[in-house]
Amino acid sequence: MVGTEDPHVRWVVVRPDTLREGEVSAYALHEHPVSSLFRPDDTRMSNVADFMCDLATADGSWDEWAGRLPVIVDRT
């Protein structure tokens, strides 16, 4: 298992809810799931891609989420 202290591997696991098609829109990031199995939230695939690009290119984004498992959902 790779933990957060491994000097050779840095990771972020992006956890979307119910994936939907659509253009990039406002989204929210959370430490833990915010919906239930019976009332899932939507997450646009384009928002997941946008956040992953942010992790790779935006100053400080990777450092903020490294070794964590953010949940991404669309803002309503």
PDB file of N, CA and C in Angstrom:
ATOM      1  N   MET A   1       0.843  -1.180   0.000  1.00  0.00           N
ATOM      2  CA  MET A   1       0.000   0.000   0.000  1.00  0.00           C
ATOM      3  C   MET A   1       0.887   1.241   0.000  1.00  0.00           C
ATOM      4  N   VAL A   2       0.514   2.207  -0.801  1.00  0.00           N
ATOM      5  CA  VAL A   2       1.268   3.443  -0.891  1.00  0.00           C
ATOM      6  C   VAL A   2       0.592   4.480  -0.012  1.00  0.00           C
ATOM      7  N   GLY A   3       1.309   4.975   0.937  1.00  0.00           N
ATOM      8  CA  GLY A   3       0.769   5.999   1.830  1.00  0.00           C
ATOM      9  C   GLY A   3       1.173   7.386   1.384  1.00  0.00           C
ATOM     10  N   THR A   4       0.929   8.335   2.209  1.00  0.00           N
ATOM     11  CA  THR A   4       1.247   9.718   1.857  1.00  0.00           C
ATOM     12  C   THR A   4       2.715  10.057   2.059  1.00  0.00           C
ATOM     13  N   GLU A   5       3.454   9.196   2.731  1.00  0.00           N
ATOM     14  CA  GLU A   5       4.860   9.482   3.015  1.00  0.00           C
ATOM     15  C   GLU A   5       5.835   8.820   2.031  1.00  0.00           C
ATOM     16  N   ASP A   6       5.324   8.085   1.036  1.00  0.00           N
ATOM     17  CA  ASP A   6       6.190   7.423   0.056  1.00  0.00           C
ATOM     18  C   ASP A   6       6.933   8.494  -0.740  1.00  0.00           C
ATOM     19  N   PRO A   7       8.266   8.461  -0.773  1.00  0.00           N
ATOM     20  CA  PRO A   7       9.022   9.501  -1.466  1.00  0.00           C
ATOM     21  C   PRO A   7       8.965   9.399  -2.993  1.00  0.00           C
ATOM     22  N   HIS A   8       8.466   8.270  -3.522  1.00  0.00           N
ATOM     23  CA  HIS A   8       8.478   8.056  -4.964  1.00  0.00           C
ATOM     24  C   HIS A   8       7.104   8.155  -5.612  1.00  0.00           C
ATOM     25  N   VAL A   9       6.057   8.126  -4.818  1.00  0.00           N
ATOM     26  CA  VAL A   9       4.710   8.145  -5.374  1.00  0.00           C
ATOM     27  C   VAL A   9       3.884   9.234  -4.686  1.00  0.00           C
ATOM     28  N   ARG A  10       3.339  10.131  -5.485  1.00  0.00           N
ATOM     29  CA  ARG A  10       2.389  11.133  -4.981  1.00  0.00           C
ATOM     30  C   ARG A  10       1.083  10.892  -5.702  1.00  0.00           C
ATOM     31  N   TRP A  11      -0.022  10.993  -4.990  1.00  0.00           N
ATOM     32  CA  TRP A  11      -1.301  10.633  -5.590  1.00  0.00           C
ATOM     33  C   TRP A  11      -2.446  11.495  -5.065  1.00  0.00           C
ATOM     34  N   VAL A  12      -3.499  11.545  -5.884  1.00  0.00           N
ATOM     35  CA  VAL A  12      -4.800  12.102  -5.526  1.00  0.00           C
ATOM     36  C   VAL A  12      -5.825  11.191  -6.177  1.00  0.00           C
ATOM     37  N   VAL A  13      -6.835  10.773  -5.439  1.00  0.00           N
ATOM     38  CA  VAL A  13      -7.921   9.968  -5.989  1.00  0.00           C
ATOM     39  C   VAL A  13      -9.145  10.874  -6.080  1.00  0.00           C
ATOM     40  N   VAL A  14      -9.595  11.153  -7.295  1.00  0.00           N
ATOM     41  CA  VAL A  14     -10.756  12.001  -7.512  1.00  0.00           C
ATOM     42  C   VAL A  14     -11.994  11.115  -7.541  1.00  0.00           C
ATOM     43  N   ARG A  15     -12.943  11.407  -6.645  1.00  0.00           N
ATOM     44  CA  ARG A  15     -14.143  10.566  -6.526  1.00  0.00           C
ATOM     45  C   ARG A  15     -15.390  11.340  -6.960  1.00  0.00           C
ATOM     46  N   PRO A  16     -15.866  11.093  -8.173  1.00  0.00           N
ATOM     47  CA  PRO A  16     -17.115  11.723  -8.605  1.00  0.00           C
ATOM     48  C   PRO A  16     -18.312  10.935  -8.066  1.00  0.00           C
ATOM     49  N   ASP A  17     -19.487  11.551  -8.152  1.00  0.00           N
ATOM     50  CA  ASP A  17     -20.717  10.847  -7.828  1.00  0.00           C
ATOM     51  C   ASP A  17     -21.274  10.323  -9.146  1.00  0.00           C
ATOM     52  N   THR A  18     -22.548  10.405  -9.393  1.00  0.00           N
ATOM     53  CA  THR A  18     -23.155   9.885 -10.615  1.00  0.00           C
ATOM     54  C   THR A  18     -22.679  10.704 -11.812  1.00  0.00           C
ATOM     55  N   LEU A  19     -21.940  10.074 -12.717  1.00  0.00           N
ATOM     56  CA  LEU A  19     -21.366  10.790 -13.857  1.00  0.00           C
ATOM     57  C   LEU A  19     -22.414  11.083 -14.918  1.00  0.00           C
ATOM     58  N   ARG A  20     -22.386  12.315 -15.413  1.00  0.00           N
ATOM     59  CA  ARG A  20     -23.312  12.786 -16.444  1.00  0.00           C
ATOM     60  C   ARG A  20     -22.516  13.502 -17.535  1.00  0.00           C
ATOM     61  N   GLU A  21     -23.113  13.604 -18.707  1.00  0.00           N
ATOM     62  CA  GLU A  21     -22.543  14.387 -19.801  1.00  0.00           C
ATOM     63  C   GLU A  21     -22.830  15.862 -19.538  1.00  0.00           C
ATOM     64  N   GLY A  22     -22.075  16.737 -20.163  1.00  0.00           N
ATOM     65  CA  GLY A  22     -22.358  18.166 -20.062  1.00  0.00           C
ATOM     66  C   GLY A  22     -21.095  18.996 -20.076  1.00  0.00           C
ATOM     67  N   GLU A  23     -21.287  20.285 -20.269  1.00  0.00           N
ATOM     68  CA  GLU A  23     -20.185  21.239 -20.307  1.00  0.00           C
ATOM     69  C   GLU A  23     -19.654  21.503 -18.900  1.00  0.00           C
ATOM     70  N   VAL A  24     -18.455  22.044 -18.825  1.00  0.00           N
ATOM     71  CA  VAL A  24     -17.864  22.413 -17.546  1.00  0.00           C
ATOM     72  C   VAL A  24     -18.765  23.454 -16.868  1.00  0.00           C
ATOM     73  N   SER A  25     -18.986  23.261 -15.590  1.00  0.00           N
ATOM     74  CA  SER A  25     -19.817  24.180 -14.810  1.00  0.00           C
ATOM     75  C   SER A  25     -19.186  24.331 -13.425  1.00  0.00           C
ATOM     76  N   ALA A  26     -19.857  25.057 -12.578  1.00  0.00           N
ATOM     77  CA  ALA A  26     -19.375  25.208 -11.197  1.00  0.00           C
ATOM     78  C   ALA A  26     -19.475  23.852 -10.493  1.00  0.00           C
ATOM     79  N   TYR A  27     -18.462  23.541  -9.700  1.00  0.00           N
ATOM     80  CA  TYR A  27     -18.482  22.294  -8.939  1.00  0.00           C
ATOM     81  C   TYR A  27     -17.891  22.531  -7.566  1.00  0.00           C
ATOM     82  N   ALA A  28     -18.164  21.581  -6.691  1.00  0.00           N
ATOM     83  CA  ALA A  28     -17.673  21.678  -5.315  1.00  0.00           C
ATOM     84  C   ALA A  28     -16.826  20.461  -4.997  1.00  0.00           C
ATOM     85  N   LEU A  29     -15.813  20.668  -4.161  1.00  0.00           N
ATOM     86  CA  LEU A  29     -14.940  19.590  -3.701  1.00  0.00           C
ATOM     87  C   LEU A  29     -15.159  19.399  -2.210  1.00  0.00           C
ATOM     88  N   HIS A  30     -15.241  18.133  -1.802  1.00  0.00           N
ATOM     89  CA  HIS A  30     -15.504  17.816  -0.400  1.00  0.00           C
ATOM     90  C   HIS A  30     -14.519  16.751   0.082  1.00  0.00           C
ATOM     91  N   GLU A  31     -14.272  16.744   1.360  1.00  0.00           N
ATOM     92  CA  GLU A  31     -13.396  15.739   1.983  1.00  0.00           C
ATOM     93  C   GLU A  31     -14.037  14.352   1.991  1.00  0.00           C
ATOM     94  N   HIS A  32     -15.374  14.328   2.139  1.00  0.00           N
ATOM     95  CA  HIS A  32     -16.104  13.070   2.289  1.00  0.00           C
ATOM     96  C   HIS A  32     -17.336  13.100   1.406  1.00  0.00           C
ATOM     97  N   PRO A  33     -17.918  11.930   1.099  1.00  0.00           N
ATOM     98  CA  PRO A  33     -19.161  11.910   0.317  1.00  0.00           C
ATOM     99  C   PRO A  33     -20.234  12.779   0.984  1.00  0.00           C
ATOM    100  N   VAL A  34     -21.003  13.472   0.154  1.00  0.00           N
ATOM    101  CA  VAL A  34     -22.035  14.369   0.671  1.00  0.00           C
ATOM    102  C   VAL A  34     -23.439  13.915   0.306  1.00  0.00           C
ATOM    103  N   SER A  35     -23.547  12.836  -0.432  1.00  0.00           N
ATOM    104  CA  SER A  35     -24.861  12.317  -0.799  1.00  0.00           C
ATOM    105  C   SER A  35     -24.981  10.880  -0.306  1.00  0.00           C
ATOM    106  N   SER A  36     -26.156  10.330  -0.481  1.00  0.00           N
ATOM    107  CA  SER A  36     -26.380   8.953  -0.033  1.00  0.00           C
ATOM    108  C   SER A  36     -26.518   8.032  -1.237  1.00  0.00           C
ATOM    109  N   LEU A  37     -26.486   6.765  -0.987  1.00  0.00           N
ATOM    110  CA  LEU A  37     -26.636   5.759  -2.039  1.00  0.00           C
ATOM    111  C   LEU A  37     -27.978   5.911  -2.742  1.00  0.00           C
ATOM    112  N   PHE A  38     -28.991   6.320  -2.013  1.00  0.00           N
ATOM    113  CA  PHE A  38     -30.340   6.409  -2.566  1.00  0.00           C
ATOM    114  C   PHE A  38     -30.673   7.789  -3.127  1.00  0.00           C
ATOM    115  N   ARG A  39     -29.834   8.780  -2.863  1.00  0.00           N
ATOM    116  CA  ARG A  39     -30.011  10.129  -3.403  1.00  0.00           C
ATOM    117  C   ARG A  39     -28.666  10.675  -3.855  1.00  0.00           C
ATOM    118  N   PRO A  40     -28.117  10.098  -4.920  1.00  0.00           N
ATOM    119  CA  PRO A  40     -26.779  10.534  -5.356  1.00  0.00           C
ATOM    120  C   PRO A  40     -26.816  11.922  -5.985  1.00  0.00           C
ATOM    121  N   ASP A  41     -25.692  12.600  -5.938  1.00  0.00           N
ATOM    122  CA  ASP A  41     -25.528  13.884  -6.617  1.00  0.00           C
ATOM    123  C   ASP A  41     -24.963  13.627  -8.009  1.00  0.00           C
ATOM    124  N   ASP A  42     -25.092  14.606  -8.880  1.00  0.00           N
ATOM    125  CA  ASP A  42     -24.549  14.510 -10.228  1.00  0.00           C
ATOM    126  C   ASP A  42     -23.156  15.113 -10.278  1.00  0.00           C
ATOM    127  N   THR A  43     -22.334  14.566 -11.149  1.00  0.00           N
ATOM    128  CA  THR A  43     -21.019  15.123 -11.440  1.00  0.00           C
ATOM    129  C   THR A  43     -20.810  15.032 -12.941  1.00  0.00           C
ATOM    130  N   ARG A  44     -20.605  16.164 -13.571  1.00  0.00           N
ATOM    131  CA  ARG A  44     -20.339  16.155 -15.012  1.00  0.00           C
ATOM    132  C   ARG A  44     -18.929  15.647 -15.263  1.00  0.00           C
ATOM    133  N   MET A  45     -18.818  14.795 -16.271  1.00  0.00           N
ATOM    134  CA  MET A  45     -17.498  14.258 -16.625  1.00  0.00           C
ATOM    135  C   MET A  45     -16.526  15.384 -16.963  1.00  0.00           C
ATOM    136  N   SER A  46     -17.040  16.442 -17.573  1.00  0.00           N
ATOM    137  CA  SER A  46     -16.175  17.571 -17.929  1.00  0.00           C
ATOM    138  C   SER A  46     -15.648  18.274 -16.680  1.00  0.00           C
ATOM    139  N   ASN A  47     -16.414  18.269 -15.594  1.00  0.00           N
ATOM    140  CA  ASN A  47     -15.933  18.871 -14.348  1.00  0.00           C
ATOM    141  C   ASN A  47     -14.825  18.031 -13.724  1.00  0.00           C
ATOM    142  N   VAL A  48     -14.952  16.710 -13.833  1.00  0.00           N
ATOM    143  CA  VAL A  48     -13.876  15.831 -13.343  1.00  0.00           C
ATOM    144  C   VAL A  48     -12.599  16.119 -14.131  1.00  0.00           C
ATOM    145  N   ALA A  49     -12.720  16.202 -15.455  1.00  0.00           N
ATOM    146  CA  ALA A  49     -11.553  16.496 -16.300  1.00  0.00           C
ATOM    147  C   ALA A  49     -10.962  17.862 -15.966  1.00  0.00           C
ATOM    148  N   ASP A  50     -11.827  18.859 -15.747  1.00  0.00           N
ATOM    149  CA  ASP A  50     -11.362  20.202 -15.411  1.00  0.00           C
ATOM    150  C   ASP A  50     -10.572  20.197 -14.107  1.00  0.00           C
ATOM    151  N   PHE A  51     -11.092  19.505 -13.099  1.00  0.00           N
ATOM    152  CA  PHE A  51     -10.390  19.438 -11.819  1.00  0.00           C
ATOM    153  C   PHE A  51      -9.059  18.694 -11.951  1.00  0.00           C
ATOM    154  N   MET A  52      -9.046  17.605 -12.716  1.00  0.00           N
ATOM    155  CA  MET A  52      -7.796  16.862 -12.893  1.00  0.00           C
ATOM    156  C   MET A  52      -6.750  17.710 -13.624  1.00  0.00           C
ATOM    157  N   CYS A  53      -7.171  18.503 -14.589  1.00  0.00           N
ATOM    158  CA  CYS A  53      -6.247  19.424 -15.268  1.00  0.00           C
ATOM    159  C   CYS A  53      -5.739  20.470 -14.289  1.00  0.00           C
ATOM    160  N   ASP A  54      -6.631  20.944 -13.419  1.00  0.00           N
ATOM    161  CA  ASP A  54      -6.238  21.895 -12.380  1.00  0.00           C
ATOM    162  C   ASP A  54      -5.168  21.299 -11.474  1.00  0.00           C
ATOM    163  N   LEU A  55      -5.344  20.043 -11.103  1.00  0.00           N
ATOM    164  CA  LEU A  55      -4.358  19.384 -10.243  1.00  0.00           C
ATOM    165  C   LEU A  55      -2.978  19.388 -10.891  1.00  0.00           C
ATOM    166  N   ALA A  56      -2.960  19.210 -12.205  1.00  0.00           N
ATOM    167  CA  ALA A  56      -1.684  19.121 -12.918  1.00  0.00           C
ATOM    168  C   ALA A  56      -1.067  20.466 -13.251  1.00  0.00           C
ATOM    169  N   THR A  57      -1.888  21.526 -13.307  1.00  0.00           N
ATOM    170  CA  THR A  57      -1.355  22.786 -13.820  1.00  0.00           C
ATOM    171  C   THR A  57      -1.484  23.991 -12.889  1.00  0.00           C
ATOM    172  N   ALA A  58      -2.460  24.019 -12.007  1.00  0.00           N
ATOM    173  CA  ALA A  58      -2.701  25.198 -11.170  1.00  0.00           C
ATOM    174  C   ALA A  58      -1.767  25.209  -9.965  1.00  0.00           C
ATOM    175  N   ASP A  59      -1.189  26.355  -9.705  1.00  0.00           N
ATOM    176  CA  ASP A  59      -0.299  26.493  -8.551  1.00  0.00           C
ATOM    177  C   ASP A  59      -1.043  26.156  -7.260  1.00  0.00           C
ATOM    178  N   GLY A  60      -0.467  25.268  -6.488  1.00  0.00           N
ATOM    179  CA  GLY A  60      -1.014  24.947  -5.178  1.00  0.00           C
ATOM    180  C   GLY A  60      -2.114  23.912  -5.152  1.00  0.00           C
ATOM    181  N   SER A  61      -2.753  23.637  -6.281  1.00  0.00           N
ATOM    182  CA  SER A  61      -3.865  22.682  -6.295  1.00  0.00           C
ATOM    183  C   SER A  61      -3.392  21.281  -5.919  1.00  0.00           C
ATOM    184  N   TRP A  62      -2.287  20.838  -6.523  1.00  0.00           N
ATOM    185  CA  TRP A  62      -1.780  19.502  -6.201  1.00  0.00           C
ATOM    186  C   TRP A  62      -1.392  19.412  -4.728  1.00  0.00           C
ATOM    187  N   ASP A  63      -0.684  20.396  -4.243  1.00  0.00           N
ATOM    188  CA  ASP A  63      -0.248  20.384  -2.847  1.00  0.00           C
ATOM    189  C   ASP A  63      -1.429  20.345  -1.884  1.00  0.00           C
ATOM    190  N   GLU A  64      -2.514  21.015  -2.245  1.00  0.00           N
ATOM    191  CA  GLU A  64      -3.706  21.025  -1.380  1.00  0.00           C
ATOM    192  C   GLU A  64      -4.342  19.646  -1.280  1.00  0.00           C
ATOM    193  N   TRP A  65      -4.348  18.890  -2.390  1.00  0.00           N
ATOM    194  CA  TRP A  65      -5.078  17.616  -2.412  1.00  0.00           C
ATOM    195  C   TRP A  65      -4.188  16.378  -2.407  1.00  0.00           C
ATOM    196  N   ALA A  66      -2.883  16.506  -2.448  1.00  0.00           N
ATOM    197  CA  ALA A  66      -1.976  15.345  -2.493  1.00  0.00           C
ATOM    198  C   ALA A  66      -2.217  14.403  -1.314  1.00  0.00           C
ATOM    199  N   GLY A  67      -2.333  13.110  -1.628  1.00  0.00           N
ATOM    200  CA  GLY A  67      -2.549  12.096  -0.602  1.00  0.00           C
ATOM    201  C   GLY A  67      -3.962  12.087  -0.039  1.00  0.00           C
ATOM    202  N   ARG A  68      -4.894  12.704  -0.769  1.00  0.00           N
ATOM    203  CA  ARG A  68      -6.273  12.785  -0.290  1.00  0.00           C
ATOM    204  C   ARG A  68      -7.243  12.252  -1.350  1.00  0.00           C
ATOM    205  N   LEU A  69      -8.499  12.121  -0.984  1.00  0.00           N
ATOM    206  CA  LEU A  69      -9.521  11.548  -1.851  1.00  0.00           C
ATOM    207  C   LEU A  69     -10.713  12.499  -1.980  1.00  0.00           C
ATOM    208  N   PRO A  70     -10.555  13.620  -2.693  1.00  0.00           N
ATOM    209  CA  PRO A  70     -11.661  14.573  -2.784  1.00  0.00           C
ATOM    210  C   PRO A  70     -12.853  14.015  -3.557  1.00  0.00           C
ATOM    211  N   VAL A  71     -14.046  14.368  -3.074  1.00  0.00           N
ATOM    212  CA  VAL A  71     -15.288  14.040  -3.754  1.00  0.00           C
ATOM    213  C   VAL A  71     -15.695  15.288  -4.543  1.00  0.00           C
ATOM    214  N   ILE A  72     -16.013  15.112  -5.811  1.00  0.00           N
ATOM    215  CA  ILE A  72     -16.401  16.235  -6.655  1.00  0.00           C
ATOM    216  C   ILE A  72     -17.857  16.064  -7.058  1.00  0.00           C
ATOM    217  N   VAL A  73     -18.650  17.130  -6.874  1.00  0.00           N
ATOM    218  CA  VAL A  73     -20.057  17.134  -7.286  1.00  0.00           C
ATOM    219  C   VAL A  73     -20.374  18.479  -7.917  1.00  0.00           C
ATOM    220  N   ASP A  74     -21.340  18.468  -8.817  1.00  0.00           N
ATOM    221  CA  ASP A  74     -21.784  19.711  -9.453  1.00  0.00           C
ATOM    222  C   ASP A  74     -22.486  20.579  -8.420  1.00  0.00           C
ATOM    223  N   ARG A  75     -22.292  21.882  -8.541  1.00  0.00           N
ATOM    224  CA  ARG A  75     -23.064  22.822  -7.704  1.00  0.00           C
ATOM    225  C   ARG A  75     -24.422  23.009  -8.351  1.00  0.00           C
ATOM    226  N   THR A  76     -25.433  23.079  -7.539  1.00  0.00           N
ATOM    227  CA  THR A  76     -26.784  23.234  -8.104  1.00  0.00           C
ATOM    228  C   THR A  76     -27.242  24.661  -7.999  1.00  0.00           C
TER     229      THR A  76
END
